[in-house]
Amino acid sequence: MTDTITAPARLGIDVWLDVACPWCALGERRLRSVVSDLPFTSDIDVRFHSYQLDPNAPERATMSQAEYLAGRGLDPERLEASHRHLSEAGEQVGFRFDHAATVPSNTFAAHRMIQAAAAHGVQAAVVDGLLVAYFQNGVDVGDAAALKEVVVSAGLDPATADEVLADPAAYAEDVRGDIARASSLGIQGVPFYVLDGRYGISGAQPAEVFEQALTQVYDELNPKPAQPLNLVGEQGTACGPDGCEV
């Protein structure tokens, strides 16, 4: 009789993020680095989900990031300190922020592209491409031509990108569904990570936190069989099913 080999249970990671969230950019890089180094990396599925920090942001950029954040009540000194902190954290994971170039605009169209990318198997690359474009290259993701260039460069088929841009309803319900699901899960900020649908991690945690959490959940999904005890010393006299030794 041949023993049946059971495939390991896969670990699903659902990530809620917004293209306009700098900590989402850092969290994406940290998680990617951790996942690639884990011994069970081939048994991990990462899926990205839409979340909008400011659904009412203008469709196209109309002001600088500093002006936009000041209008939302953020103190300039606090903003400068935040930028320094983000830049230092970015250097550790190979992500460069150009805060002066960043232009805020509505991210709904970008999220529709992320949903389309998921349907075509290039979601991770498109997410990373959008984060780089937004925070490093000063791309206005509300501009249709600029948005198309980013997602096509990341691997999305040009025809698909054109279809999404031509139809405002394309993948819109998928975006809204993700946002609604986030609300039902109690998610009030991003990045947010859900492991195996059971555990939540809030914020761009240090790499060691991701590693510990992913390993713990994967081991729960794939418990190791009980190992026989290693006997110490010689076999002593004992009783068994057939009686006791003399």
Protein backbone atom coordinates (compact mmCIF):
# COMPACT_ATOMS: atom_id res chain seq x y z
CA MET A 1 0.00 0.00 0.00
CA THR A 2 1.40 3.39 -0.97
CA ASP A 3 1.30 6.15 1.64
CA THR A 4 -0.70 9.20 0.56
CA ILE A 5 1.25 12.45 0.70
CA THR A 6 -0.95 15.31 1.86
CA ALA A 7 -0.13 18.74 0.52
CA PRO A 8 0.48 21.37 3.20
CA ALA A 9 -2.40 23.66 4.07
CA ARG A 10 -1.85 27.06 2.47
CA LEU A 11 -1.60 30.24 4.50
CA GLY A 12 -3.70 33.09 3.14
CA ILE A 13 -2.73 36.69 3.89
CA ASP A 14 -5.31 39.37 3.09
CA VAL A 15 -3.89 42.88 3.05
CA TRP A 16 -6.04 46.01 3.15
CA LEU A 17 -4.23 49.13 1.92
CA ASP A 18 -4.55 52.43 0.14
CA VAL A 19 -2.21 53.71 -2.55
CA ALA A 20 -2.04 57.03 -0.68
CA CYS A 21 -0.84 55.43 2.58
CA PRO A 22 2.95 55.66 3.17
CA TRP A 23 2.90 53.02 5.89
CA CYS A 24 1.18 50.70 3.43
CA ALA A 25 4.22 51.12 1.17
CA LEU A 26 6.58 50.21 4.00
CA GLY A 27 4.40 47.35 5.20
CA GLU A 28 4.20 45.89 1.70
CA ARG A 29 8.00 45.85 1.43
CA ARG A 30 8.48 44.38 4.91
CA LEU A 31 5.90 41.65 4.36
CA ARG A 32 7.30 40.77 0.95
CA SER A 33 10.81 40.42 2.38
CA VAL A 34 9.63 38.20 5.24
CA VAL A 35 7.49 35.96 3.00
CA SER A 36 10.34 35.41 0.54
CA ASP A 37 12.65 34.20 3.32
CA LEU A 38 10.26 31.80 5.06
CA PRO A 39 10.84 28.08 4.43
CA PHE A 40 7.15 27.69 3.51
CA THR A 41 7.04 30.68 1.15
CA SER A 42 5.58 28.55 -1.66
CA ASP A 43 2.58 27.76 0.55
CA ILE A 44 1.61 31.42 1.10
CA ASP A 45 -1.02 33.35 -0.85
CA VAL A 46 -1.04 37.15 -0.51
CA ARG A 47 -4.12 39.04 -1.66
CA PHE A 48 -4.52 42.82 -1.63
CA HIS A 49 -7.79 44.56 -0.83
CA SER A 50 -9.01 48.09 -1.37
CA TYR A 51 -9.41 50.76 1.29
CA GLN A 52 -9.75 54.52 0.84
CA LEU A 53 -8.40 56.90 3.46
CA ASP A 54 -10.12 59.86 1.80
CA PRO A 55 -12.96 58.87 -0.55
CA ASN A 56 -13.72 62.57 -1.06
CA ALA A 57 -10.27 63.51 -2.33
CA PRO A 58 -10.33 65.33 -5.69
CA GLU A 59 -10.18 63.05 -8.71
CA ARG A 60 -7.08 64.87 -9.98
CA ALA A 61 -4.31 66.48 -7.93
CA THR A 62 -5.07 70.13 -7.20
CA MET A 63 -2.44 70.90 -4.53
CA SER A 64 0.81 69.69 -3.02
CA GLN A 65 0.85 67.06 -0.32
CA ALA A 66 1.87 69.67 2.27
CA GLU A 67 -1.07 71.91 1.30
CA TYR A 68 -3.47 68.98 1.31
CA LEU A 69 -2.39 67.75 4.76
CA ALA A 70 -2.35 71.26 6.18
CA GLY A 71 -5.93 71.62 5.00
CA ARG A 72 -6.76 68.50 6.98
CA GLY A 73 -5.32 70.09 10.12
CA LEU A 74 -1.87 68.51 10.25
CA ASP A 75 0.73 70.73 11.91
CA PRO A 76 3.69 71.52 9.58
CA GLU A 77 6.28 70.61 12.23
CA ARG A 78 4.56 67.31 12.88
CA LEU A 79 4.44 66.67 9.13
CA GLU A 80 8.17 67.31 8.81
CA ALA A 81 8.91 64.94 11.68
CA SER A 82 6.66 62.31 10.09
CA HIS A 83 8.48 62.67 6.77
CA ARG A 84 11.86 62.16 8.45
CA HIS A 85 10.59 59.07 10.24
CA LEU A 86 9.13 57.62 7.04
CA SER A 87 12.31 58.30 5.07
CA GLU A 88 14.45 56.56 7.70
CA ALA A 89 12.13 53.57 7.80
CA GLY A 90 12.04 53.47 4.00
CA GLU A 91 15.83 53.30 3.75
CA GLN A 92 15.79 50.10 5.80
CA VAL A 93 13.60 48.31 3.23
CA GLY A 94 14.88 49.94 0.06
CA PHE A 95 11.96 52.30 -0.43
CA ARG A 96 12.70 55.97 -1.18
CA PHE A 97 10.13 58.65 -0.42
CA ASP A 98 10.07 61.92 -2.34
CA HIS A 99 7.72 63.85 -0.10
CA ALA A 100 8.04 67.09 -2.06
CA ALA A 101 7.00 65.37 -5.30
CA THR A 102 4.02 63.44 -3.88
CA VAL A 103 0.68 64.79 -5.11
CA PRO A 104 -2.57 63.67 -3.44
CA SER A 105 -5.55 62.69 -5.56
CA ASN A 106 -8.45 60.26 -5.40
CA THR A 107 -7.30 56.62 -5.43
CA PHE A 108 -10.56 54.95 -6.51
CA ALA A 109 -9.45 54.46 -10.12
CA ALA A 110 -6.14 53.05 -8.92
CA HIS A 111 -8.04 50.56 -6.75
CA ARG A 112 -10.10 49.49 -9.74
CA MET A 113 -6.81 48.75 -11.49
CA ILE A 114 -5.64 46.73 -8.49
CA GLN A 115 -8.84 44.67 -8.70
CA ALA A 116 -8.32 44.14 -12.43
CA ALA A 117 -4.73 43.11 -11.76
CA ALA A 118 -5.95 40.48 -9.29
CA ALA A 119 -8.21 39.01 -11.97
CA HIS A 120 -5.25 38.83 -14.37
CA GLY A 121 -2.62 37.45 -11.98
CA VAL A 122 -0.39 40.53 -11.65
CA GLN A 123 -1.81 42.13 -8.52
CA ALA A 124 1.34 42.22 -6.37
CA ALA A 125 3.38 43.87 -9.12
CA VAL A 126 0.69 46.46 -9.82
CA VAL A 127 0.32 47.31 -6.12
CA ASP A 128 4.05 47.83 -5.76
CA GLY A 129 4.19 49.83 -9.00
CA LEU A 130 1.44 52.16 -7.79
CA LEU A 131 3.08 52.73 -4.41
CA VAL A 132 6.40 53.53 -6.06
CA ALA A 133 4.70 55.84 -8.56
CA TYR A 134 2.78 57.70 -5.86
CA PHE A 135 5.51 58.14 -3.25
CA GLN A 136 8.74 58.08 -5.27
CA ASN A 137 7.85 59.47 -8.67
CA GLY A 138 5.17 62.05 -7.89
CA VAL A 139 2.63 60.46 -10.22
CA ASP A 140 -0.93 61.75 -10.10
CA VAL A 141 -2.83 58.44 -9.97
CA GLY A 142 -6.02 60.31 -10.75
CA ASP A 143 -4.69 61.10 -14.22
CA ALA A 144 -5.88 58.38 -16.59
CA ALA A 145 -2.85 58.43 -18.90
CA ALA A 146 -0.38 58.41 -16.01
CA LEU A 147 -2.29 55.64 -14.23
CA LYS A 148 -2.33 53.47 -17.34
CA GLU A 149 1.41 53.90 -17.83
CA VAL A 150 2.10 52.75 -14.27
CA VAL A 151 -0.08 49.64 -14.31
CA VAL A 152 0.98 48.56 -17.81
CA SER A 153 4.64 48.92 -16.84
CA ALA A 154 3.86 46.68 -13.85
CA GLY A 155 2.43 43.95 -16.10
CA LEU A 156 -1.27 44.66 -16.65
CA ASP A 157 -2.38 44.13 -20.23
CA PRO A 158 -2.86 47.50 -22.00
CA ALA A 159 -6.25 46.45 -23.36
CA THR A 160 -7.44 45.63 -19.85
CA ALA A 161 -6.21 48.97 -18.57
CA ASP A 162 -8.09 50.73 -21.37
CA GLU A 163 -11.26 48.83 -20.53
CA VAL A 164 -11.06 49.85 -16.88
CA LEU A 165 -10.47 53.50 -17.77
CA ALA A 166 -13.26 53.54 -20.34
CA ASP A 167 -15.86 52.16 -17.93
CA PRO A 168 -16.10 53.83 -14.47
CA ALA A 169 -18.19 50.89 -13.28
CA ALA A 170 -15.49 48.31 -14.12
CA TYR A 171 -14.40 46.63 -10.88
CA ALA A 172 -16.05 49.41 -8.88
CA GLU A 173 -18.24 46.97 -6.96
CA ASP A 174 -15.15 44.91 -6.10
CA VAL A 175 -13.55 48.00 -4.56
CA ARG A 176 -16.70 48.87 -2.62
CA GLY A 177 -17.01 45.26 -1.51
CA ASP A 178 -13.51 45.31 -0.06
CA ILE A 179 -14.22 48.55 1.77
CA ALA A 180 -17.47 47.14 3.16
CA ARG A 181 -15.72 43.97 4.29
CA ALA A 182 -13.07 46.04 6.04
CA SER A 183 -15.82 47.82 7.95
CA SER A 184 -17.44 44.51 8.93
CA LEU A 185 -14.09 43.30 10.27
CA GLY A 186 -13.66 46.44 12.34
CA ILE A 187 -10.72 47.72 10.29
CA GLN A 188 -10.38 51.44 10.89
CA GLY A 189 -6.98 52.08 9.35
CA VAL A 190 -4.41 50.63 6.99
CA PRO A 191 -2.28 48.72 6.42
CA PHE A 192 -4.16 45.84 8.00
CA TYR A 193 -3.33 42.16 7.58
CA VAL A 194 -5.64 39.19 8.12
CA LEU A 195 -3.96 35.79 8.46
CA ASP A 196 -6.02 32.72 7.54
CA GLY A 197 -9.18 34.75 8.09
CA ARG A 198 -8.67 34.46 11.86
CA TYR A 199 -5.89 36.73 13.04
CA GLY A 200 -5.40 40.44 12.46
CA ILE A 201 -2.24 42.53 12.40
CA SER A 202 -2.65 46.28 12.46
CA GLY A 203 -0.05 48.60 10.95
CA ALA A 204 3.33 48.21 9.27
CA GLN A 205 4.85 46.01 11.94
CA PRO A 206 8.58 45.20 12.18
CA ALA A 207 9.74 42.24 10.12
CA GLU A 208 10.19 40.04 13.20
CA VAL A 209 6.52 40.50 14.12
CA PHE A 210 5.42 39.38 10.67
CA GLU A 211 7.79 36.42 10.76
CA GLN A 212 6.61 35.24 14.18
CA ALA A 213 2.92 35.63 13.34
CA LEU A 214 3.15 33.92 9.94
CA THR A 215 5.15 31.03 11.37
CA GLN A 216 2.73 30.56 14.25
CA VAL A 217 -0.35 30.46 12.03
CA TYR A 218 1.30 28.21 9.44
CA ASP A 219 2.29 25.75 12.18
CA GLU A 220 -1.30 25.75 13.43
CA LEU A 221 -2.48 24.90 9.93
CA ASN A 222 0.18 22.20 9.54
CA PRO A 223 0.76 20.60 12.94
CA LYS A 224 3.80 18.36 13.08
CA PRO A 225 3.12 14.67 13.88
CA ALA A 226 3.99 13.55 17.39
CA GLN A 227 7.59 12.42 17.62
CA PRO A 228 8.57 9.24 19.51
CA LEU A 229 10.45 9.81 22.73
CA ASN A 230 14.21 9.44 22.82
CA LEU A 231 14.94 6.88 25.55
CA VAL A 232 17.65 7.74 28.03
CA GLY A 233 19.72 4.85 29.39
CA GLU A 234 19.19 1.13 28.85
CA GLN A 235 15.79 -0.59 28.69
CA GLY A 236 14.66 -1.32 32.25
CA THR A 237 12.30 -4.02 33.53
CA ALA A 238 8.66 -3.13 33.00
CA CYS A 239 5.16 -4.50 32.49
CA GLY A 240 3.45 -4.69 29.09
CA PRO A 241 0.35 -6.18 27.44
CA ASP A 242 1.85 -9.69 27.69
CA GLY A 243 2.74 -9.45 31.35
CA CYS A 244 5.60 -8.24 33.46
CA GLU A 245 9.26 -8.95 33.03
CA VAL A 246 10.96 -10.94 35.78
